[in-house]
Amino acid sequence: MDKEYSTVGTRMVRTDSLAKVTGKAMYTADVKLPRMLYAKVLRSPYPHARILNIDTSKALKLPGVKAVVTGADTDGVRWGVFKYTQDHPMIAIDKVRYVGEDVAGVAAVDE
């Protein structure tokens, strides 16, 4: 058998089991860095809707909020991990096309 595929069909020893069951495993959500910001995304509750206006002024006045980003702030930048999403705006600009589409993002010092 080819050396590259020698583990196919064999049991693998899990090296992280003890840490997981004892609560000692470290996950990315557990990482705390100096001056770290937390991000939250506002998602559309509507399956298809026009975006007339997003007023970010109240959010920006909240203590700890450092930035609020909407589609209007992105200059139409398109981004996608998968080929079929690479022509979509990173945040909805004039309309949302599905429930859960990103509408705004907030960065703050805590959640």
PDB file of N, CA and C in Angstrom:
ATOM      1  N   MET A   1       0.849  -1.191   0.000  1.00  0.00           N
ATOM      2  CA  MET A   1       0.000   0.000   0.000  1.00  0.00           C
ATOM      3  C   MET A   1       0.887   1.244   0.000  1.00  0.00           C
ATOM      4  N   ASP A   2       0.429   2.244  -0.692  1.00  0.00           N
ATOM      5  CA  ASP A   2       1.156   3.513  -0.767  1.00  0.00           C
ATOM      6  C   ASP A   2       1.279   4.103   0.635  1.00  0.00           C
ATOM      7  N   LYS A   3       2.471   4.567   0.996  1.00  0.00           N
ATOM      8  CA  LYS A   3       2.725   5.123   2.329  1.00  0.00           C
ATOM      9  C   LYS A   3       1.797   6.296   2.655  1.00  0.00           C
ATOM     10  N   GLU A   4       1.456   7.085   1.642  1.00  0.00           N
ATOM     11  CA  GLU A   4       0.616   8.265   1.845  1.00  0.00           C
ATOM     12  C   GLU A   4      -0.773   7.887   2.369  1.00  0.00           C
ATOM     13  N   TYR A   5      -1.246   6.698   2.003  1.00  0.00           N
ATOM     14  CA  TYR A   5      -2.587   6.274   2.400  1.00  0.00           C
ATOM     15  C   TYR A   5      -2.566   5.158   3.438  1.00  0.00           C
ATOM     16  N   SER A   6      -1.476   4.987   4.147  1.00  0.00           N
ATOM     17  CA  SER A   6      -1.346   3.865   5.077  1.00  0.00           C
ATOM     18  C   SER A   6      -2.264   3.976   6.289  1.00  0.00           C
ATOM     19  N   THR A   7      -2.803   5.152   6.579  1.00  0.00           N
ATOM     20  CA  THR A   7      -3.691   5.301   7.740  1.00  0.00           C
ATOM     21  C   THR A   7      -5.161   5.110   7.383  1.00  0.00           C
ATOM     22  N   VAL A   8      -5.464   4.997   6.101  1.00  0.00           N
ATOM     23  CA  VAL A   8      -6.854   4.812   5.683  1.00  0.00           C
ATOM     24  C   VAL A   8      -7.374   3.492   6.238  1.00  0.00           C
ATOM     25  N   GLY A   9      -8.511   3.556   6.933  1.00  0.00           N
ATOM     26  CA  GLY A   9      -9.131   2.356   7.481  1.00  0.00           C
ATOM     27  C   GLY A   9      -8.585   1.925   8.828  1.00  0.00           C
ATOM     28  N   THR A  10      -7.620   2.652   9.384  1.00  0.00           N
ATOM     29  CA  THR A  10      -7.082   2.291  10.695  1.00  0.00           C
ATOM     30  C   THR A  10      -7.580   3.278  11.745  1.00  0.00           C
ATOM     31  N   ARG A  11      -7.589   2.831  12.988  1.00  0.00           N
ATOM     32  CA  ARG A  11      -7.997   3.704  14.087  1.00  0.00           C
ATOM     33  C   ARG A  11      -6.895   4.700  14.393  1.00  0.00           C
ATOM     34  N   MET A  12      -7.307   5.899  14.674  1.00  0.00           N
ATOM     35  CA  MET A  12      -6.351   6.936  15.043  1.00  0.00           C
ATOM     36  C   MET A  12      -6.474   7.180  16.547  1.00  0.00           C
ATOM     37  N   VAL A  13      -5.359   7.319  17.220  1.00  0.00           N
ATOM     38  CA  VAL A  13      -5.359   7.604  18.646  1.00  0.00           C
ATOM     39  C   VAL A  13      -5.674   9.084  18.836  1.00  0.00           C
ATOM     40  N   ARG A  14      -6.702   9.365  19.625  1.00  0.00           N
ATOM     41  CA  ARG A  14      -7.076  10.754  19.892  1.00  0.00           C
ATOM     42  C   ARG A  14      -6.193  11.276  21.015  1.00  0.00           C
ATOM     43  N   THR A  15      -5.493  12.342  20.739  1.00  0.00           N
ATOM     44  CA  THR A  15      -4.578  12.894  21.733  1.00  0.00           C
ATOM     45  C   THR A  15      -5.212  14.025  22.534  1.00  0.00           C
ATOM     46  N   ASP A  16      -6.402  14.474  22.119  1.00  0.00           N
ATOM     47  CA  ASP A  16      -7.023  15.617  22.787  1.00  0.00           C
ATOM     48  C   ASP A  16      -8.215  15.244  23.664  1.00  0.00           C
ATOM     49  N   SER A  17      -8.534  13.975  23.770  1.00  0.00           N
ATOM     50  CA  SER A  17      -9.734  13.552  24.499  1.00  0.00           C
ATOM     51  C   SER A  17      -9.721  13.961  25.965  1.00  0.00           C
ATOM     52  N   LEU A  18      -8.631  13.714  26.669  1.00  0.00           N
ATOM     53  CA  LEU A  18      -8.564  14.023  28.098  1.00  0.00           C
ATOM     54  C   LEU A  18      -8.759  15.518  28.342  1.00  0.00           C
ATOM     55  N   ALA A  19      -8.106  16.342  27.554  1.00  0.00           N
ATOM     56  CA  ALA A  19      -8.248  17.795  27.720  1.00  0.00           C
ATOM     57  C   ALA A  19      -9.690  18.230  27.476  1.00  0.00           C
ATOM     58  N   LYS A  20     -10.353  17.625  26.506  1.00  0.00           N
ATOM     59  CA  LYS A  20     -11.739  18.001  26.208  1.00  0.00           C
ATOM     60  C   LYS A  20     -12.700  17.596  27.321  1.00  0.00           C
ATOM     61  N   VAL A  21     -12.594  16.382  27.817  1.00  0.00           N
ATOM     62  CA  VAL A  21     -13.549  15.927  28.835  1.00  0.00           C
ATOM     63  C   VAL A  21     -13.293  16.547  30.204  1.00  0.00           C
ATOM     64  N   THR A  22     -12.100  17.060  30.433  1.00  0.00           N
ATOM     65  CA  THR A  22     -11.810  17.707  31.716  1.00  0.00           C
ATOM     66  C   THR A  22     -11.990  19.220  31.653  1.00  0.00           C
ATOM     67  N   GLY A  23     -12.324  19.743  30.462  1.00  0.00           N
ATOM     68  CA  GLY A  23     -12.537  21.181  30.324  1.00  0.00           C
ATOM     69  C   GLY A  23     -11.254  21.981  30.195  1.00  0.00           C
ATOM     70  N   LYS A  24     -10.138  21.313  29.980  1.00  0.00           N
ATOM     71  CA  LYS A  24      -8.857  22.013  29.878  1.00  0.00           C
ATOM     72  C   LYS A  24      -8.450  22.319  28.438  1.00  0.00           C
ATOM     73  N   ALA A  25      -9.219  21.847  27.478  1.00  0.00           N
ATOM     74  CA  ALA A  25      -8.888  22.100  26.067  1.00  0.00           C
ATOM     75  C   ALA A  25      -9.029  23.589  25.770  1.00  0.00           C
ATOM     76  N   MET A  26      -8.148  24.082  24.929  1.00  0.00           N
ATOM     77  CA  MET A  26      -8.160  25.495  24.551  1.00  0.00           C
ATOM     78  C   MET A  26      -8.772  25.623  23.164  1.00  0.00           C
ATOM     79  N   TYR A  27      -9.792  26.457  23.060  1.00  0.00           N
ATOM     80  CA  TYR A  27     -10.451  26.720  21.785  1.00  0.00           C
ATOM     81  C   TYR A  27     -10.201  28.176  21.399  1.00  0.00           C
ATOM     82  N   THR A  28     -10.436  28.513  20.140  1.00  0.00           N
ATOM     83  CA  THR A  28     -10.194  29.888  19.708  1.00  0.00           C
ATOM     84  C   THR A  28     -11.052  30.876  20.488  1.00  0.00           C
ATOM     85  N   ALA A  29     -12.235  30.475  20.911  1.00  0.00           N
ATOM     86  CA  ALA A  29     -13.099  31.367  21.700  1.00  0.00           C
ATOM     87  C   ALA A  29     -12.514  31.647  23.082  1.00  0.00           C
ATOM     88  N   ASP A  30     -11.558  30.839  23.521  1.00  0.00           N
ATOM     89  CA  ASP A  30     -10.933  31.025  24.829  1.00  0.00           C
ATOM     90  C   ASP A  30      -9.751  31.992  24.789  1.00  0.00           C
ATOM     91  N   VAL A  31      -9.302  32.354  23.611  1.00  0.00           N
ATOM     92  CA  VAL A  31      -8.126  33.215  23.465  1.00  0.00           C
ATOM     93  C   VAL A  31      -8.490  34.655  23.817  1.00  0.00           C
ATOM     94  N   LYS A  32      -7.718  35.258  24.695  1.00  0.00           N
ATOM     95  CA  LYS A  32      -7.888  36.666  25.084  1.00  0.00           C
ATOM     96  C   LYS A  32      -6.552  37.360  24.854  1.00  0.00           C
ATOM     97  N   LEU A  33      -6.562  38.380  24.026  1.00  0.00           N
ATOM     98  CA  LEU A  33      -5.341  39.107  23.701  1.00  0.00           C
ATOM     99  C   LEU A  33      -5.447  40.542  24.190  1.00  0.00           C
ATOM    100  N   PRO A  34      -4.315  41.198  24.432  1.00  0.00           N
ATOM    101  CA  PRO A  34      -4.357  42.596  24.857  1.00  0.00           C
ATOM    102  C   PRO A  34      -5.036  43.460  23.791  1.00  0.00           C
ATOM    103  N   ARG A  35      -5.893  44.373  24.214  1.00  0.00           N
ATOM    104  CA  ARG A  35      -6.609  45.317  23.348  1.00  0.00           C
ATOM    105  C   ARG A  35      -7.480  44.630  22.301  1.00  0.00           C
ATOM    106  N   MET A  36      -7.880  43.396  22.579  1.00  0.00           N
ATOM    107  CA  MET A  36      -8.692  42.634  21.640  1.00  0.00           C
ATOM    108  C   MET A  36     -10.099  43.212  21.542  1.00  0.00           C
ATOM    109  N   LEU A  37     -10.648  43.217  20.341  1.00  0.00           N
ATOM    110  CA  LEU A  37     -12.028  43.636  20.132  1.00  0.00           C
ATOM    111  C   LEU A  37     -12.874  42.416  19.810  1.00  0.00           C
ATOM    112  N   TYR A  38     -14.146  42.502  20.126  1.00  0.00           N
ATOM    113  CA  TYR A  38     -15.104  41.460  19.807  1.00  0.00           C
ATOM    114  C   TYR A  38     -15.982  41.955  18.669  1.00  0.00           C
ATOM    115  N   ALA A  39     -16.361  41.063  17.796  1.00  0.00           N
ATOM    116  CA  ALA A  39     -17.207  41.444  16.663  1.00  0.00           C
ATOM    117  C   ALA A  39     -18.534  40.705  16.727  1.00  0.00           C
ATOM    118  N   LYS A  40     -19.571  41.404  16.351  1.00  0.00           N
ATOM    119  CA  LYS A  40     -20.900  40.809  16.214  1.00  0.00           C
ATOM    120  C   LYS A  40     -21.456  41.254  14.872  1.00  0.00           C
ATOM    121  N   VAL A  41     -22.203  40.383  14.247  1.00  0.00           N
ATOM    122  CA  VAL A  41     -22.789  40.684  12.946  1.00  0.00           C
ATOM    123  C   VAL A  41     -24.300  40.749  13.087  1.00  0.00           C
ATOM    124  N   LEU A  42     -24.880  41.811  12.555  1.00  0.00           N
ATOM    125  CA  LEU A  42     -26.339  41.936  12.497  1.00  0.00           C
ATOM    126  C   LEU A  42     -26.782  41.274  11.204  1.00  0.00           C
ATOM    127  N   ARG A  43     -27.716  40.342  11.317  1.00  0.00           N
ATOM    128  CA  ARG A  43     -28.185  39.601  10.147  1.00  0.00           C
ATOM    129  C   ARG A  43     -29.651  39.924   9.865  1.00  0.00           C
ATOM    130  N   SER A  44     -30.006  39.845   8.622  1.00  0.00           N
ATOM    131  CA  SER A  44     -31.364  40.179   8.197  1.00  0.00           C
ATOM    132  C   SER A  44     -32.379  39.142   8.673  1.00  0.00           C
ATOM    133  N   PRO A  45     -33.508  39.606   9.228  1.00  0.00           N
ATOM    134  CA  PRO A  45     -34.587  38.678   9.566  1.00  0.00           C
ATOM    135  C   PRO A  45     -35.534  38.462   8.380  1.00  0.00           C
ATOM    136  N   TYR A  46     -35.262  39.146   7.266  1.00  0.00           N
ATOM    137  CA  TYR A  46     -36.167  39.116   6.114  1.00  0.00           C
ATOM    138  C   TYR A  46     -35.569  38.322   4.955  1.00  0.00           C
ATOM    139  N   PRO A  47     -36.407  37.579   4.220  1.00  0.00           N
ATOM    140  CA  PRO A  47     -35.908  36.794   3.097  1.00  0.00           C
ATOM    141  C   PRO A  47     -35.589  37.630   1.862  1.00  0.00           C
ATOM    142  N   HIS A  48     -36.242  38.765   1.715  1.00  0.00           N
ATOM    143  CA  HIS A  48     -35.974  39.641   0.571  1.00  0.00           C
ATOM    144  C   HIS A  48     -36.477  41.020   0.940  1.00  0.00           C
ATOM    145  N   ALA A  49     -35.574  41.992   1.008  1.00  0.00           N
ATOM    146  CA  ALA A  49     -35.984  43.338   1.431  1.00  0.00           C
ATOM    147  C   ALA A  49     -34.991  44.373   0.932  1.00  0.00           C
ATOM    148  N   ARG A  50     -35.489  45.576   0.742  1.00  0.00           N
ATOM    149  CA  ARG A  50     -34.607  46.695   0.398  1.00  0.00           C
ATOM    150  C   ARG A  50     -34.081  47.325   1.683  1.00  0.00           C
ATOM    151  N   ILE A  51     -32.847  47.767   1.657  1.00  0.00           N
ATOM    152  CA  ILE A  51     -32.265  48.494   2.787  1.00  0.00           C
ATOM    153  C   ILE A  51     -32.398  49.974   2.466  1.00  0.00           C
ATOM    154  N   LEU A  52     -33.246  50.656   3.212  1.00  0.00           N
ATOM    155  CA  LEU A  52     -33.457  52.077   2.975  1.00  0.00           C
ATOM    156  C   LEU A  52     -32.450  52.917   3.743  1.00  0.00           C
ATOM    157  N   ASN A  53     -32.180  52.529   4.999  1.00  0.00           N
ATOM    158  CA  ASN A  53     -31.279  53.302   5.841  1.00  0.00           C
ATOM    159  C   ASN A  53     -30.868  52.449   7.036  1.00  0.00           C
ATOM    160  N   ILE A  54     -29.631  52.567   7.437  1.00  0.00           N
ATOM    161  CA  ILE A  54     -29.164  51.943   8.675  1.00  0.00           C
ATOM    162  C   ILE A  54     -28.529  53.045   9.500  1.00  0.00           C
ATOM    163  N   ASP A  55     -29.177  53.384  10.593  1.00  0.00           N
ATOM    164  CA  ASP A  55     -28.684  54.449  11.470  1.00  0.00           C
ATOM    165  C   ASP A  55     -27.754  53.828  12.510  1.00  0.00           C
ATOM    166  N   THR A  56     -26.483  54.142  12.414  1.00  0.00           N
ATOM    167  CA  THR A  56     -25.485  53.569  13.325  1.00  0.00           C
ATOM    168  C   THR A  56     -25.145  54.491  14.491  1.00  0.00           C
ATOM    169  N   SER A  57     -25.760  55.664  14.553  1.00  0.00           N
ATOM    170  CA  SER A  57     -25.368  56.674  15.546  1.00  0.00           C
ATOM    171  C   SER A  57     -25.556  56.198  16.988  1.00  0.00           C
ATOM    172  N   LYS A  58     -26.654  55.509  17.291  1.00  0.00           N
ATOM    173  CA  LYS A  58     -26.869  55.035  18.670  1.00  0.00           C
ATOM    174  C   LYS A  58     -25.825  53.994  19.059  1.00  0.00           C
ATOM    175  N   ALA A  59     -25.528  53.101  18.147  1.00  0.00           N
ATOM    176  CA  ALA A  59     -24.535  52.060  18.436  1.00  0.00           C
ATOM    177  C   ALA A  59     -23.160  52.673  18.672  1.00  0.00           C
ATOM    178  N   LEU A  60     -22.803  53.667  17.879  1.00  0.00           N
ATOM    179  CA  LEU A  60     -21.490  54.302  18.025  1.00  0.00           C
ATOM    180  C   LEU A  60     -21.350  55.082  19.327  1.00  0.00           C
ATOM    181  N   LYS A  61     -22.468  55.476  19.926  1.00  0.00           N
ATOM    182  CA  LYS A  61     -22.426  56.212  21.199  1.00  0.00           C
ATOM    183  C   LYS A  61     -22.320  55.288  22.411  1.00  0.00           C
ATOM    184  N   LEU A  62     -22.527  54.000  22.216  1.00  0.00           N
ATOM    185  CA  LEU A  62     -22.446  53.062  23.335  1.00  0.00           C
ATOM    186  C   LEU A  62     -21.004  52.950  23.822  1.00  0.00           C
ATOM    187  N   PRO A  63     -20.808  52.853  25.147  1.00  0.00           N
ATOM    188  CA  PRO A  63     -19.444  52.729  25.665  1.00  0.00           C
ATOM    189  C   PRO A  63     -18.786  51.440  25.165  1.00  0.00           C
ATOM    190  N   GLY A  64     -17.572  51.569  24.709  1.00  0.00           N
ATOM    191  CA  GLY A  64     -16.824  50.396  24.265  1.00  0.00           C
ATOM    192  C   GLY A  64     -16.945  50.077  22.787  1.00  0.00           C
ATOM    193  N   VAL A  65     -17.927  50.644  22.107  1.00  0.00           N
ATOM    194  CA  VAL A  65     -18.076  50.382  20.673  1.00  0.00           C
ATOM    195  C   VAL A  65     -17.025  51.191  19.919  1.00  0.00           C
ATOM    196  N   LYS A  66     -16.225  50.516  19.128  1.00  0.00           N
ATOM    197  CA  LYS A  66     -15.140  51.167  18.391  1.00  0.00           C
ATOM    198  C   LYS A  66     -15.490  51.414  16.931  1.00  0.00           C
ATOM    199  N   ALA A  67     -16.332  50.562  16.346  1.00  0.00           N
ATOM    200  CA  ALA A  67     -16.684  50.731  14.932  1.00  0.00           C
ATOM    201  C   ALA A  67     -17.983  50.013  14.616  1.00  0.00           C
ATOM    202  N   VAL A  68     -18.715  50.579  13.670  1.00  0.00           N
ATOM    203  CA  VAL A  68     -19.900  49.942  13.106  1.00  0.00           C
ATOM    204  C   VAL A  68     -19.751  50.036  11.593  1.00  0.00           C
ATOM    205  N   VAL A  69     -19.885  48.908  10.921  1.00  0.00           N
ATOM    206  CA  VAL A  69     -19.698  48.864   9.476  1.00  0.00           C
ATOM    207  C   VAL A  69     -20.978  48.375   8.814  1.00  0.00           C
ATOM    208  N   THR A  70     -21.398  49.071   7.767  1.00  0.00           N
ATOM    209  CA  THR A  70     -22.540  48.640   6.959  1.00  0.00           C
ATOM    210  C   THR A  70     -22.065  48.472   5.519  1.00  0.00           C
ATOM    211  N   GLY A  71     -22.939  47.990   4.682  1.00  0.00           N
ATOM    212  CA  GLY A  71     -22.594  47.826   3.277  1.00  0.00           C
ATOM    213  C   GLY A  71     -22.188  49.124   2.617  1.00  0.00           C
ATOM    214  N   ALA A  72     -22.763  50.235   3.072  1.00  0.00           N
ATOM    215  CA  ALA A  72     -22.427  51.546   2.512  1.00  0.00           C
ATOM    216  C   ALA A  72     -20.963  51.913   2.769  1.00  0.00           C
ATOM    217  N   ASP A  73     -20.351  51.309   3.784  1.00  0.00           N
ATOM    218  CA  ASP A  73     -18.953  51.597   4.124  1.00  0.00           C
ATOM    219  C   ASP A  73     -17.955  50.754   3.329  1.00  0.00           C
ATOM    220  N   THR A  74     -18.429  49.783   2.579  1.00  0.00           N
ATOM    221  CA  THR A  74     -17.521  48.826   1.934  1.00  0.00           C
ATOM    222  C   THR A  74     -17.147  49.180   0.505  1.00  0.00           C
ATOM    223  N   ASP A  75     -17.725  50.211  -0.048  1.00  0.00           N
ATOM    224  CA  ASP A  75     -17.461  50.604  -1.440  1.00  0.00           C
ATOM    225  C   ASP A  75     -17.717  49.465  -2.423  1.00  0.00           C
ATOM    226  N   GLY A  76     -18.647  48.590  -2.075  1.00  0.00           N
ATOM    227  CA  GLY A  76     -19.009  47.500  -2.984  1.00  0.00           C
ATOM    228  C   GLY A  76     -17.995  46.388  -3.090  1.00  0.00           C
ATOM    229  N   VAL A  77     -17.061  46.311  -2.141  1.00  0.00           N
ATOM    230  CA  VAL A  77     -16.055  45.251  -2.168  1.00  0.00           C
ATOM    231  C   VAL A  77     -16.757  43.899  -2.163  1.00  0.00           C
ATOM    232  N   ARG A  78     -16.321  43.037  -3.047  1.00  0.00           N
ATOM    233  CA  ARG A  78     -16.903  41.693  -3.127  1.00  0.00           C
ATOM    234  C   ARG A  78     -15.893  40.700  -2.569  1.00  0.00           C
ATOM    235  N   TRP A  79     -16.425  39.745  -1.832  1.00  0.00           N
ATOM    236  CA  TRP A  79     -15.544  38.801  -1.161  1.00  0.00           C
ATOM    237  C   TRP A  79     -16.304  37.506  -0.947  1.00  0.00           C
ATOM    238  N   GLY A  80     -15.632  36.405  -1.075  1.00  0.00           N
ATOM    239  CA  GLY A  80     -16.259  35.121  -0.806  1.00  0.00           C
ATOM    240  C   GLY A  80     -15.207  34.040  -0.715  1.00  0.00           C
ATOM    241  N   VAL A  81     -15.411  33.116   0.181  1.00  0.00           N
ATOM    242  CA  VAL A  81     -14.481  32.003   0.351  1.00  0.00           C
ATOM    243  C   VAL A  81     -14.649  31.024  -0.809  1.00  0.00           C
ATOM    244  N   PHE A  82     -15.896  30.779  -1.169  1.00  0.00           N
ATOM    245  CA  PHE A  82     -16.185  29.813  -2.221  1.00  0.00           C
ATOM    246  C   PHE A  82     -16.370  30.523  -3.557  1.00  0.00           C
ATOM    247  N   LYS A  83     -16.084  29.835  -4.624  1.00  0.00           N
ATOM    248  CA  LYS A  83     -16.179  30.410  -5.965  1.00  0.00           C
ATOM    249  C   LYS A  83     -17.560  31.027  -6.211  1.00  0.00           C
ATOM    250  N   TYR A  84     -18.619  30.334  -5.777  1.00  0.00           N
ATOM    251  CA  TYR A  84     -19.973  30.829  -6.046  1.00  0.00           C
ATOM    252  C   TYR A  84     -20.366  32.025  -5.179  1.00  0.00           C
ATOM    253  N   THR A  85     -19.576  32.385  -4.184  1.00  0.00           N
ATOM    254  CA  THR A  85     -19.901  33.558  -3.360  1.00  0.00           C
ATOM    255  C   THR A  85     -18.975  34.734  -3.636  1.00  0.00           C
ATOM    256  N   GLN A  86     -18.017  34.572  -4.513  1.00  0.00           N
ATOM    257  CA  GLN A  86     -17.025  35.620  -4.728  1.00  0.00           C
ATOM    258  C   GLN A  86     -17.566  36.842  -5.452  1.00  0.00           C
ATOM    259  N   ASP A  87     -18.768  36.752  -6.000  1.00  0.00           N
ATOM    260  CA  ASP A  87     -19.346  37.919  -6.657  1.00  0.00           C
ATOM    261  C   ASP A  87     -20.380  38.620  -5.780  1.00  0.00           C
ATOM    262  N   HIS A  88     -20.519  38.187  -4.535  1.00  0.00           N
ATOM    263  CA  HIS A  88     -21.467  38.803  -3.604  1.00  0.00           C
ATOM    264  C   HIS A  88     -20.772  39.889  -2.783  1.00  0.00           C
ATOM    265  N   PRO A  89     -21.493  40.952  -2.450  1.00  0.00           N
ATOM    266  CA  PRO A  89     -20.897  41.949  -1.556  1.00  0.00           C
ATOM    267  C   PRO A  89     -20.658  41.338  -0.171  1.00  0.00           C
ATOM    268  N   MET A  90     -19.610  41.790   0.514  1.00  0.00           N
ATOM    269  CA  MET A  90     -19.302  41.213   1.824  1.00  0.00           C
ATOM    270  C   MET A  90     -20.359  41.544   2.868  1.00  0.00           C
ATOM    271  N   ILE A  91     -21.037  42.676   2.726  1.00  0.00           N
ATOM    272  CA  ILE A  91     -22.183  43.048   3.562  1.00  0.00           C
ATOM    273  C   ILE A  91     -23.239  43.591   2.606  1.00  0.00           C
ATOM    274  N   ALA A  92     -24.495  43.235   2.840  1.00  0.00           N
ATOM    275  CA  ALA A  92     -25.571  43.687   1.956  1.00  0.00           C
ATOM    276  C   ALA A  92     -25.541  45.205   1.814  1.00  0.00           C
ATOM    277  N   ILE A  93     -25.741  45.686   0.596  1.00  0.00           N
ATOM    278  CA  ILE A  93     -25.672  47.125   0.354  1.00  0.00           C
ATOM    279  C   ILE A  93     -27.063  47.731   0.191  1.00  0.00           C
ATOM    280  N   ASP A  94     -27.757  47.418  -0.869  1.00  0.00           N
ATOM    281  CA  ASP A  94     -29.070  48.015  -1.117  1.00  0.00           C
ATOM    282  C   ASP A  94     -30.225  47.079  -0.813  1.00  0.00           C
ATOM    283  N   LYS A  95     -29.950  45.780  -0.792  1.00  0.00           N
ATOM    284  CA  LYS A  95     -31.018  44.822  -0.522  1.00  0.00           C
ATOM    285  C   LYS A  95     -30.437  43.557   0.096  1.00  0.00           C
ATOM    286  N   VAL A  96     -31.305  42.854   0.813  1.00  0.00           N
ATOM    287  CA  VAL A  96     -30.936  41.538   1.334  1.00  0.00           C
ATOM    288  C   VAL A  96     -31.671  40.507   0.492  1.00  0.00           C
ATOM    289  N   ARG A  97     -31.023  39.364   0.302  1.00  0.00           N
ATOM    290  CA  ARG A  97     -31.588  38.336  -0.569  1.00  0.00           C
ATOM    291  C   ARG A  97     -32.040  37.106   0.186  1.00  0.00           C
ATOM    292  N   TYR A  98     -31.672  37.004   1.471  1.00  0.00           N
ATOM    293  CA  TYR A  98     -32.065  35.819   2.233  1.00  0.00           C
ATOM    294  C   TYR A  98     -32.010  36.124   3.726  1.00  0.00           C
ATOM    295  N   VAL A  99     -32.756  35.359   4.501  1.00  0.00           N
ATOM    296  CA  VAL A  99     -32.729  35.480   5.954  1.00  0.00           C
ATOM    297  C   VAL A  99     -31.325  35.120   6.421  1.00  0.00           C
ATOM    298  N   GLY A 100     -30.745  35.975   7.243  1.00  0.00           N
ATOM    299  CA  GLY A 100     -29.409  35.713   7.762  1.00  0.00           C
ATOM    300  C   GLY A 100     -28.292  36.392   7.003  1.00  0.00           C
ATOM    301  N   GLU A 101     -28.624  37.118   5.932  1.00  0.00           N
ATOM    302  CA  GLU A 101     -27.571  37.830   5.202  1.00  0.00           C
ATOM    303  C   GLU A 101     -26.996  38.932   6.091  1.00  0.00           C
ATOM    304  N   ASP A 102     -25.685  39.124   6.048  1.00  0.00           N
ATOM    305  CA  ASP A 102     -25.015  40.144   6.858  1.00  0.00           C
ATOM    306  C   ASP A 102     -25.471  41.540   6.443  1.00  0.00           C
ATOM    307  N   VAL A 103     -25.859  42.346   7.446  1.00  0.00           N
ATOM    308  CA  VAL A 103     -26.342  43.700   7.199  1.00  0.00           C
ATOM    309  C   VAL A 103     -25.402  44.737   7.818  1.00  0.00           C
ATOM    310  N   ALA A 104     -24.823  44.417   8.972  1.00  0.00           N
ATOM    311  CA  ALA A 104     -23.911  45.342   9.650  1.00  0.00           C
ATOM    312  C   ALA A 104     -22.996  44.545  10.573  1.00  0.00           C
ATOM    313  N   GLY A 105     -21.861  45.154  10.906  1.00  0.00           N
ATOM    314  CA  GLY A 105     -20.933  44.547  11.847  1.00  0.00           C
ATOM    315  C   GLY A 105     -20.540  45.561  12.904  1.00  0.00           C
ATOM    316  N   VAL A 106     -20.377  45.096  14.133  1.00  0.00           N
ATOM    317  CA  VAL A 106     -20.006  45.973  15.246  1.00  0.00           C
ATOM    318  C   VAL A 106     -18.745  45.416  15.898  1.00  0.00           C
ATOM    319  N   ALA A 107     -17.776  46.286  16.157  1.00  0.00           N
ATOM    320  CA  ALA A 107     -16.564  45.913  16.891  1.00  0.00           C
ATOM    321  C   ALA A 107     -16.559  46.679  18.205  1.00  0.00           C
ATOM    322  N   ALA A 108     -16.369  45.955  19.316  1.00  0.00           N
ATOM    323  CA  ALA A 108     -16.417  46.582  20.635  1.00  0.00           C
ATOM    324  C   ALA A 108     -15.425  45.906  21.577  1.00  0.00           C
ATOM    325  N   VAL A 109     -15.171  46.560  22.707  1.00  0.00           N
ATOM    326  CA  VAL A 109     -14.188  46.040  23.662  1.00  0.00           C
ATOM    327  C   VAL A 109     -14.697  44.832  24.435  1.00  0.00           C
ATOM    328  N   ASP A 110     -15.999  44.619  24.464  1.00  0.00           N
ATOM    329  CA  ASP A 110     -16.556  43.413  25.079  1.00  0.00           C
ATOM    330  C   ASP A 110     -17.843  43.037  24.366  1.00  0.00           C
ATOM    331  N   GLU A 111     -18.358  41.880  24.731  1.00  0.00           N
ATOM    332  CA  GLU A 111     -19.569  41.409  24.070  1.00  0.00           C
ATOM    333  C   GLU A 111     -20.787  42.067  24.670  1.00  0.00           C
TER     334      GLU A 111
END
